[in-house]
Amino acid sequence: MNDYAVLWDWLSFGMRWTHVITAIAWIGSSFYFVALDLGLRQRPGLPKGAFGEEWQVHGGGFYHIQKYLVAPEQMPEHLTWFKWESYFTWMTGFAMLAIVYYAGADLFLVDRNVLDVSAPVAILISLACLAGGWIVYDLLCRWLIGKADTGLMILLYIILVFMAWGLTHLFTGRAAFLHLGAITATIMSANVFMVIIPNQKIVVADLIAGRKPDPKYGKIAKQRSLHNNYLTLPVLFLMLSNHYPLAFGTEFNWIIASLVFMMGVLIRHYFNTRHANKGNPTWTWLVTAILFVIIIWLSTVPKVLTDEPKITAADQALVASTHFPAARDTVLSRCSMCHAAEPVYEGIHQAPKGVKLDTDEAIAAHAREIYLQAGRSHAMPPGNVTEITPQERQLLVTWFEEAGKKTQQ
């Protein structure tokens, strides 16, 4: 069990690193092309079919870029496709979801005080949410394409608010935020895989065959690309939110998530407007700041708990261990001054990452984290501020590993 926990944690780290690398590549290219598209200039003498051009300087050289709204008259010899960044970002993100939330469903995905279901059922609900989010979004876009773009954006936002509320009634607060981000990221990546790239391939095929491409394919792809542009910043917040329990672990977490989408849209609106040379809407930053203050206030509202936490059979085995009393005393004396409902350590006002270790049930539920963070490594306590001894660290290792062996028997 000890080797498995360590290996799994390193697998999680490696996949997280890969996910971040691919996400940087995707977001970087996405932001660049939106800024490029908005900054295009029109002038007399542009090649036939060219909508605009832009001169840029970078890395000691000049770049001359021209855009064709539909397609050039002839197929260029070399054509670079931007798609794999999106695909690999989604694939590594889904792998992270499986490694952390599916493999650790009892701890990270299921909150039996919210919805008392087994881990397999919770995973099926998760998969259904990912698929359902894309299906609903795609149907709405196909139904309203070119008819009411502003109305579509408002309708999509209302659906996102409903999803935020609904997910907090299915999973833990941490998993709800992660899933809201994962559903949105699935929509963004599916836009590339299911709409943008296929439409571009149709245009390329028409060029090769000598046919005049239909401009509707470019129009559809542009709509989806614009949606991706506005959704990027909220997704980044939601993917990082697992480090901040004040966001996901509070009473009005679903409202916080909804406001985050508004903040992201406002920030992107500012940059998009500037890139298009249509003004300097500094008011967006003021509204964003006000929304952030509202989020801070909402995070201070105490969360109402109606039931006592429920523990699993594995948790019961950890509590029943002969080493548990000593391990519990170690955790209470070295960890609970921060990891408690009301921390007493100076400067700590909320339990870090929402992890509370002030009851037997809570200690058992977080046994794996205690084992990895304070037993097998010296990550906790930070800087060893509570002076946990090597003998106490070894005790935590022995407790977790021996209890795990008994559970497997």
Protein backbone atom coordinates (compact mmCIF):
# COMPACT_ATOMS: atom_id res chain seq x y z
CA MET A 1 0.00 0.00 0.00
CA ASN A 2 2.86 2.40 0.77
CA ASP A 3 4.51 1.96 -2.65
CA TYR A 4 1.13 2.36 -4.35
CA ALA A 5 0.36 5.65 -2.58
CA VAL A 6 3.78 7.12 -3.40
CA LEU A 7 3.69 5.96 -7.02
CA TRP A 8 0.16 7.26 -7.48
CA ASP A 9 1.11 10.65 -6.06
CA TRP A 10 4.04 10.91 -8.49
CA LEU A 11 1.77 9.86 -11.35
CA SER A 12 -0.60 12.65 -10.36
CA PHE A 13 2.25 15.15 -10.28
CA GLY A 14 3.58 14.07 -13.68
CA MET A 15 0.18 14.24 -15.32
CA ARG A 16 -0.54 17.62 -13.70
CA TRP A 17 2.73 18.99 -15.08
CA THR A 18 1.93 17.66 -18.56
CA HIS A 19 -1.56 19.18 -18.34
CA VAL A 20 -0.17 22.59 -17.41
CA ILE A 21 2.36 22.49 -20.27
CA THR A 22 -0.25 21.65 -22.89
CA ALA A 23 -2.72 24.17 -21.43
CA ILE A 24 -0.12 26.95 -21.67
CA ALA A 25 0.45 26.05 -25.33
CA TRP A 26 -3.29 26.07 -26.09
CA ILE A 27 -4.15 29.23 -24.19
CA GLY A 28 -1.13 31.05 -25.58
CA SER A 29 -1.97 30.32 -29.19
CA SER A 30 -5.65 31.04 -28.59
CA PHE A 31 -5.01 34.46 -27.05
CA TYR A 32 -2.49 35.30 -29.74
CA PHE A 33 -4.83 34.56 -32.63
CA VAL A 34 -7.73 36.45 -31.06
CA ALA A 35 -5.51 39.50 -30.58
CA LEU A 36 -4.19 39.09 -34.13
CA ASP A 37 -7.69 38.80 -35.56
CA LEU A 38 -8.90 41.91 -33.75
CA GLY A 39 -5.85 43.92 -34.76
CA LEU A 40 -6.08 43.34 -38.52
CA ARG A 41 -5.89 46.44 -40.73
CA GLN A 42 -7.48 46.91 -44.12
CA ARG A 43 -5.78 48.85 -46.92
CA PRO A 44 -6.03 49.21 -50.70
CA GLY A 45 -4.05 46.69 -52.67
CA LEU A 46 -4.55 43.66 -50.47
CA PRO A 47 -4.53 40.34 -52.35
CA LYS A 48 -7.91 39.13 -53.61
CA GLY A 49 -9.93 37.62 -50.78
CA ALA A 50 -7.71 39.04 -48.04
CA PHE A 51 -9.67 40.67 -45.23
CA GLY A 52 -6.80 42.45 -43.51
CA GLU A 53 -3.16 42.37 -42.53
CA GLU A 54 -0.89 43.14 -39.63
CA TRP A 55 2.80 43.82 -39.23
CA GLN A 56 4.43 42.57 -36.04
CA VAL A 57 7.93 42.62 -34.63
CA HIS A 58 9.29 39.97 -32.29
CA GLY A 59 12.57 38.25 -31.58
CA GLY A 60 14.59 40.59 -33.77
CA GLY A 61 12.49 40.13 -36.90
CA PHE A 62 9.37 41.43 -38.65
CA TYR A 63 6.28 39.38 -39.48
CA HIS A 64 3.77 40.26 -42.20
CA ILE A 65 0.47 38.43 -41.64
CA GLN A 66 -2.62 38.45 -43.84
CA LYS A 67 -5.98 36.87 -43.11
CA TYR A 68 -8.50 35.43 -45.59
CA LEU A 69 -12.03 35.31 -44.20
CA VAL A 70 -12.96 32.32 -46.33
CA ALA A 71 -9.83 31.05 -48.09
CA PRO A 72 -7.14 32.11 -50.59
CA GLU A 73 -7.67 31.33 -54.25
CA GLN A 74 -5.13 28.52 -54.16
CA MET A 75 -4.13 26.04 -51.51
CA PRO A 76 -0.75 27.04 -49.98
CA GLU A 77 2.04 24.48 -50.05
CA HIS A 78 2.55 24.63 -46.29
CA LEU A 79 -0.30 24.92 -43.82
CA THR A 80 0.11 24.82 -40.03
CA TRP A 81 -2.82 23.45 -38.03
CA PHE A 82 -3.43 24.51 -34.43
CA LYS A 83 -5.33 21.65 -32.84
CA TRP A 84 -3.09 19.28 -30.88
CA GLU A 85 -2.64 21.79 -28.07
CA SER A 86 -6.38 21.62 -27.46
CA TYR A 87 -6.61 17.85 -27.77
CA PHE A 88 -3.74 17.10 -25.41
CA THR A 89 -4.96 19.66 -22.87
CA TRP A 90 -8.30 17.87 -22.67
CA MET A 91 -6.78 14.38 -22.62
CA THR A 92 -4.31 15.21 -19.84
CA GLY A 93 -7.05 17.04 -17.94
CA PHE A 94 -9.32 14.02 -18.12
CA ALA A 95 -6.42 11.82 -16.98
CA MET A 96 -6.01 14.13 -13.97
CA LEU A 97 -9.74 13.84 -13.25
CA ALA A 98 -9.45 10.04 -13.29
CA ILE A 99 -6.26 9.90 -11.21
CA VAL A 100 -7.39 12.29 -8.47
CA TYR A 101 -11.19 12.28 -8.41
CA TYR A 102 -12.14 8.87 -9.80
CA ALA A 103 -9.42 6.85 -8.08
CA GLY A 104 -9.96 8.85 -4.88
CA ALA A 105 -13.72 9.16 -5.26
CA ASP A 106 -14.56 8.39 -1.63
CA LEU A 107 -12.45 11.33 -0.46
CA PHE A 108 -12.48 13.90 -3.26
CA LEU A 109 -15.61 13.23 -5.31
CA VAL A 110 -18.35 11.90 -3.05
CA ASP A 111 -19.80 13.90 -0.16
CA ARG A 112 -22.36 11.60 1.43
CA ASN A 113 -23.87 14.53 3.28
CA VAL A 114 -24.68 16.02 -0.14
CA LEU A 115 -25.52 12.89 -2.16
CA ASP A 116 -25.09 9.44 -0.64
CA VAL A 117 -23.99 7.36 -3.63
CA SER A 118 -21.27 4.81 -4.24
CA ALA A 119 -18.02 5.75 -5.99
CA PRO A 120 -18.97 4.01 -9.30
CA VAL A 121 -22.30 5.84 -9.41
CA ALA A 122 -20.58 9.18 -8.71
CA ILE A 123 -18.11 8.52 -11.55
CA LEU A 124 -20.97 7.75 -13.94
CA ILE A 125 -22.67 11.00 -12.91
CA SER A 126 -19.41 12.82 -13.57
CA LEU A 127 -19.07 11.34 -17.06
CA ALA A 128 -22.72 12.15 -17.81
CA CYS A 129 -22.16 15.77 -16.77
CA LEU A 130 -19.16 16.11 -19.10
CA ALA A 131 -21.06 14.66 -22.07
CA GLY A 132 -24.35 16.39 -21.26
CA GLY A 133 -22.75 19.81 -20.98
CA TRP A 134 -21.34 19.57 -24.49
CA ILE A 135 -24.57 18.18 -26.01
CA VAL A 136 -26.72 20.99 -24.57
CA TYR A 137 -24.24 23.67 -25.59
CA ASP A 138 -23.80 22.32 -29.12
CA LEU A 139 -27.55 22.03 -29.73
CA LEU A 140 -28.12 25.63 -28.60
CA CYS A 141 -25.33 26.94 -30.83
CA ARG A 142 -26.66 25.08 -33.86
CA TRP A 143 -30.17 26.28 -33.16
CA LEU A 144 -29.25 29.96 -32.70
CA ILE A 145 -26.30 30.34 -35.09
CA GLY A 146 -26.44 33.81 -36.64
CA LYS A 147 -29.84 34.56 -35.06
CA ALA A 148 -29.19 36.00 -31.61
CA ASP A 149 -25.56 35.89 -30.57
CA THR A 150 -26.06 38.11 -27.52
CA GLY A 151 -29.14 36.18 -26.47
CA LEU A 152 -27.20 32.95 -26.88
CA MET A 153 -24.44 34.20 -24.57
CA ILE A 154 -27.00 35.21 -21.92
CA LEU A 155 -28.78 31.87 -22.19
CA LEU A 156 -25.50 29.99 -21.89
CA TYR A 157 -24.62 31.98 -18.78
CA ILE A 158 -27.97 31.14 -17.17
CA ILE A 159 -27.28 27.46 -17.89
CA LEU A 160 -23.79 27.79 -16.34
CA VAL A 161 -25.32 29.26 -13.16
CA PHE A 162 -27.76 26.35 -12.98
CA MET A 163 -24.90 23.90 -13.51
CA ALA A 164 -22.89 25.54 -10.72
CA TRP A 165 -25.82 25.14 -8.35
CA GLY A 166 -26.56 21.59 -9.47
CA LEU A 167 -22.97 20.34 -9.19
CA THR A 168 -22.75 21.50 -5.56
CA HIS A 169 -25.72 19.19 -4.91
CA LEU A 170 -23.97 16.22 -6.49
CA PHE A 171 -20.32 16.33 -5.36
CA THR A 172 -17.99 17.81 -2.78
CA GLY A 173 -17.50 21.55 -3.16
CA ARG A 174 -13.99 20.97 -4.47
CA ALA A 175 -15.19 18.44 -7.04
CA ALA A 176 -18.12 20.68 -8.03
CA PHE A 177 -15.76 23.53 -8.96
CA LEU A 178 -13.44 21.15 -10.77
CA HIS A 179 -16.34 19.66 -12.74
CA LEU A 180 -17.70 23.06 -13.70
CA GLY A 181 -14.25 23.82 -15.10
CA ALA A 182 -13.99 20.38 -16.73
CA ILE A 183 -17.39 20.71 -18.40
CA THR A 184 -16.44 24.13 -19.74
CA ALA A 185 -13.04 22.84 -20.90
CA THR A 186 -14.76 19.91 -22.59
CA ILE A 187 -16.98 22.35 -24.47
CA MET A 188 -13.94 24.37 -25.53
CA SER A 189 -11.94 21.37 -26.72
CA ALA A 190 -14.97 19.82 -28.42
CA ASN A 191 -15.48 23.11 -30.24
CA VAL A 192 -12.05 22.61 -31.76
CA PHE A 193 -12.39 18.88 -32.41
CA MET A 194 -16.03 18.75 -33.51
CA VAL A 195 -16.58 22.11 -35.22
CA ILE A 196 -13.59 24.37 -35.88
CA ILE A 197 -11.15 21.84 -37.36
CA PRO A 198 -13.81 19.89 -39.37
CA ASN A 199 -15.06 23.16 -40.86
CA GLN A 200 -11.54 24.18 -41.80
CA LYS A 201 -10.98 20.77 -43.42
CA ILE A 202 -14.12 21.27 -45.53
CA VAL A 203 -12.72 24.59 -46.76
CA VAL A 204 -9.35 22.99 -47.54
CA ALA A 205 -11.05 20.13 -49.42
CA ASP A 206 -13.01 22.65 -51.50
CA LEU A 207 -9.81 24.49 -52.38
CA ILE A 208 -8.07 21.30 -53.45
CA ALA A 209 -11.09 20.32 -55.56
CA GLY A 210 -11.24 23.75 -57.18
CA ARG A 211 -14.58 24.64 -55.60
CA LYS A 212 -15.40 27.98 -53.99
CA PRO A 213 -15.62 27.41 -50.20
CA ASP A 214 -18.88 28.26 -48.45
CA PRO A 215 -18.32 31.20 -46.03
CA LYS A 216 -20.78 29.73 -43.50
CA TYR A 217 -18.12 27.31 -42.24
CA GLY A 218 -15.81 30.14 -41.29
CA LYS A 219 -18.67 31.98 -39.60
CA ILE A 220 -19.56 28.98 -37.46
CA ALA A 221 -15.93 28.36 -36.51
CA LYS A 222 -15.46 32.02 -35.55
CA GLN A 223 -18.47 31.87 -33.21
CA ARG A 224 -17.07 28.84 -31.38
CA SER A 225 -13.59 30.37 -31.25
CA LEU A 226 -15.04 33.52 -29.67
CA HIS A 227 -16.82 31.45 -27.03
CA ASN A 228 -13.54 29.67 -26.24
CA ASN A 229 -11.83 33.03 -25.85
CA TYR A 230 -14.31 34.25 -23.24
CA LEU A 231 -14.41 30.94 -21.34
CA THR A 232 -10.66 30.57 -20.86
CA LEU A 233 -10.14 32.73 -17.75
CA PRO A 234 -13.04 31.23 -15.74
CA VAL A 235 -11.71 27.74 -16.53
CA LEU A 236 -8.27 28.70 -15.22
CA PHE A 237 -9.81 29.93 -11.96
CA LEU A 238 -11.91 26.81 -11.51
CA MET A 239 -8.95 24.50 -12.20
CA LEU A 240 -6.87 26.30 -9.57
CA SER A 241 -9.69 26.63 -7.05
CA ASN A 242 -8.90 23.30 -5.35
CA HIS A 243 -6.13 25.16 -3.52
CA TYR A 244 -8.59 27.70 -2.06
CA PRO A 245 -11.32 26.32 0.21
CA LEU A 246 -12.67 29.84 0.73
CA ALA A 247 -13.95 29.51 -2.84
CA PHE A 248 -15.26 25.95 -3.01
CA GLY A 249 -15.93 25.09 0.63
CA THR A 250 -18.37 27.83 1.59
CA GLU A 251 -22.13 28.09 1.75
CA PHE A 252 -22.55 30.07 -1.47
CA ASN A 253 -19.84 28.40 -3.52
CA TRP A 254 -22.11 28.08 -6.55
CA ILE A 255 -22.72 31.85 -6.57
CA ILE A 256 -18.97 32.43 -6.30
CA ALA A 257 -18.42 30.19 -9.33
CA SER A 258 -21.11 32.08 -11.26
CA LEU A 259 -19.51 35.44 -10.48
CA VAL A 260 -16.12 34.12 -11.55
CA PHE A 261 -17.53 33.58 -15.06
CA MET A 262 -18.66 37.20 -15.14
CA MET A 263 -15.23 38.39 -14.01
CA GLY A 264 -13.49 36.34 -16.69
CA VAL A 265 -15.78 37.67 -19.42
CA LEU A 266 -15.21 41.27 -18.29
CA ILE A 267 -11.43 40.89 -18.33
CA ARG A 268 -11.45 39.32 -21.79
CA HIS A 269 -13.82 42.07 -22.99
CA TYR A 270 -11.28 44.68 -21.90
CA PHE A 271 -8.40 43.08 -23.79
CA ASN A 272 -10.51 42.25 -26.84
CA THR A 273 -11.70 45.85 -27.05
CA ARG A 274 -8.16 47.19 -26.74
CA HIS A 275 -6.82 44.79 -29.37
CA ALA A 276 -9.58 45.87 -31.75
CA ASN A 277 -8.75 49.57 -31.11
CA LYS A 278 -12.35 50.22 -30.10
CA GLY A 279 -11.64 52.09 -26.91
CA ASN A 280 -10.28 51.61 -23.41
CA PRO A 281 -13.11 50.16 -21.26
CA THR A 282 -11.43 50.60 -17.88
CA TRP A 283 -14.85 50.28 -16.25
CA THR A 284 -14.52 46.52 -16.67
CA TRP A 285 -11.75 46.46 -14.06
CA LEU A 286 -13.88 48.40 -11.58
CA VAL A 287 -16.81 46.02 -12.02
CA THR A 288 -14.45 43.05 -11.75
CA ALA A 289 -13.03 44.43 -8.50
CA ILE A 290 -16.55 44.92 -7.10
CA LEU A 291 -17.47 41.35 -8.01
CA PHE A 292 -14.30 40.13 -6.33
CA VAL A 293 -15.21 41.98 -3.12
CA ILE A 294 -18.65 40.35 -3.25
CA ILE A 295 -16.96 36.96 -3.61
CA ILE A 296 -14.78 37.68 -0.57
CA TRP A 297 -17.88 38.57 1.44
CA LEU A 298 -19.77 35.47 0.30
CA SER A 299 -16.84 33.27 1.34
CA THR A 300 -17.20 34.46 4.96
CA VAL A 301 -20.78 33.24 5.33
CA PRO A 302 -20.68 30.17 7.62
CA LYS A 303 -21.59 26.88 5.95
CA VAL A 304 -24.61 25.20 7.52
CA LEU A 305 -24.11 21.48 8.20
CA THR A 306 -27.29 19.49 8.78
CA ASP A 307 -25.80 16.03 9.36
CA GLU A 308 -22.83 14.43 11.04
CA PRO A 309 -20.07 13.39 8.62
CA LYS A 310 -20.31 9.79 7.42
CA ILE A 311 -17.24 7.56 7.33
CA THR A 312 -16.39 4.57 5.17
CA ALA A 313 -15.35 1.06 6.13
CA ALA A 314 -11.74 1.95 5.30
CA ASP A 315 -11.95 4.94 7.64
CA GLN A 316 -13.29 2.70 10.39
CA ALA A 317 -10.35 0.33 9.91
CA LEU A 318 -7.93 3.22 10.33
CA VAL A 319 -9.66 4.35 13.53
CA ALA A 320 -9.68 0.78 14.87
CA SER A 321 -5.92 0.41 14.40
CA THR A 322 -3.88 -0.10 17.57
CA HIS A 323 -1.62 2.71 16.37
CA PHE A 324 -4.49 5.17 15.94
CA PRO A 325 -4.50 6.70 19.46
CA ALA A 326 -0.82 7.64 19.17
CA ALA A 327 -1.23 8.81 15.57
CA ARG A 328 -4.26 10.89 16.56
CA ASP A 329 -2.33 12.50 19.42
CA THR A 330 0.47 13.38 17.00
CA VAL A 331 -1.92 14.95 14.51
CA LEU A 332 -3.80 16.87 17.20
CA SER A 333 -0.59 18.22 18.72
CA ARG A 334 1.27 18.95 15.47
CA CYS A 335 -1.41 19.69 12.86
CA SER A 336 -4.76 20.68 14.32
CA MET A 337 -3.74 24.18 15.37
CA CYS A 338 -4.10 25.05 11.66
CA HIS A 339 -6.26 22.20 10.36
CA ALA A 340 -9.32 22.83 12.50
CA ALA A 341 -12.75 24.39 12.26
CA GLU A 342 -11.35 27.34 14.23
CA PRO A 343 -7.55 27.47 13.77
CA VAL A 344 -5.55 28.89 16.66
CA TYR A 345 -2.25 29.35 14.83
CA GLU A 346 -1.49 33.04 14.36
CA GLY A 347 -2.39 34.32 10.89
CA ILE A 348 -4.44 31.23 9.94
CA HIS A 349 -8.17 31.94 9.79
CA GLN A 350 -9.39 29.03 7.67
CA ALA A 351 -8.17 25.44 7.58
CA PRO A 352 -5.63 25.22 4.71
CA LYS A 353 -7.30 23.66 1.63
CA GLY A 354 -10.36 23.04 3.80
CA VAL A 355 -8.65 20.07 5.49
CA LYS A 356 -9.76 19.77 9.12
CA LEU A 357 -8.00 17.28 11.39
CA ASP A 358 -9.69 17.89 14.73
CA THR A 359 -11.85 14.74 14.93
CA ASP A 360 -11.23 11.00 14.65
CA GLU A 361 -13.36 10.79 11.52
CA ALA A 362 -11.56 13.67 9.82
CA ILE A 363 -8.12 12.25 10.62
CA ALA A 364 -9.12 8.87 9.18
CA ALA A 365 -10.64 10.47 6.07
CA HIS A 366 -7.40 12.32 5.36
CA ALA A 367 -5.07 9.51 6.38
CA ARG A 368 -3.49 9.21 2.93
CA GLU A 369 -2.62 12.92 2.82
CA ILE A 370 -1.23 12.77 6.35
CA TYR A 371 0.86 9.76 5.36
CA LEU A 372 2.30 11.45 2.26
CA GLN A 373 2.63 15.00 3.56
CA ALA A 374 3.83 14.40 7.12
CA GLY A 375 4.98 10.76 7.11
CA ARG A 376 6.76 9.92 3.87
CA SER A 377 7.79 13.53 3.24
CA HIS A 378 8.45 16.60 5.37
CA ALA A 379 6.06 18.90 3.51
CA MET A 380 3.92 19.27 6.61
CA PRO A 381 4.04 21.07 8.92
CA PRO A 382 5.52 23.88 6.78
CA GLY A 383 9.10 24.46 7.90
CA ASN A 384 8.33 21.99 10.70
CA VAL A 385 7.03 24.91 12.74
CA THR A 386 5.39 22.55 15.25
CA GLU A 387 8.60 20.50 15.58
CA ILE A 388 7.23 17.10 14.69
CA THR A 389 9.90 14.49 15.46
CA PRO A 390 11.25 11.75 13.16
CA GLN A 391 9.71 9.18 15.53
CA GLU A 392 6.29 10.80 15.16
CA ARG A 393 6.61 10.80 11.38
CA GLN A 394 7.49 7.12 11.46
CA LEU A 395 4.47 6.47 13.67
CA LEU A 396 2.17 8.04 11.05
CA VAL A 397 3.76 5.83 8.38
CA THR A 398 3.34 2.68 10.49
CA TRP A 399 -0.28 3.51 11.31
CA PHE A 400 -1.30 4.07 7.71
CA GLU A 401 0.60 1.14 6.21
CA GLU A 402 -0.46 -1.46 8.79
CA ALA A 403 -4.10 -0.35 8.67
CA GLY A 404 -3.96 -0.56 4.89
CA LYS A 405 -2.64 -4.13 4.99
CA LYS A 406 -5.48 -5.19 7.27
CA THR A 407 -8.03 -3.57 4.95
CA GLN A 408 -6.66 -5.55 1.99
CA GLN A 409 -6.80 -8.87 3.85
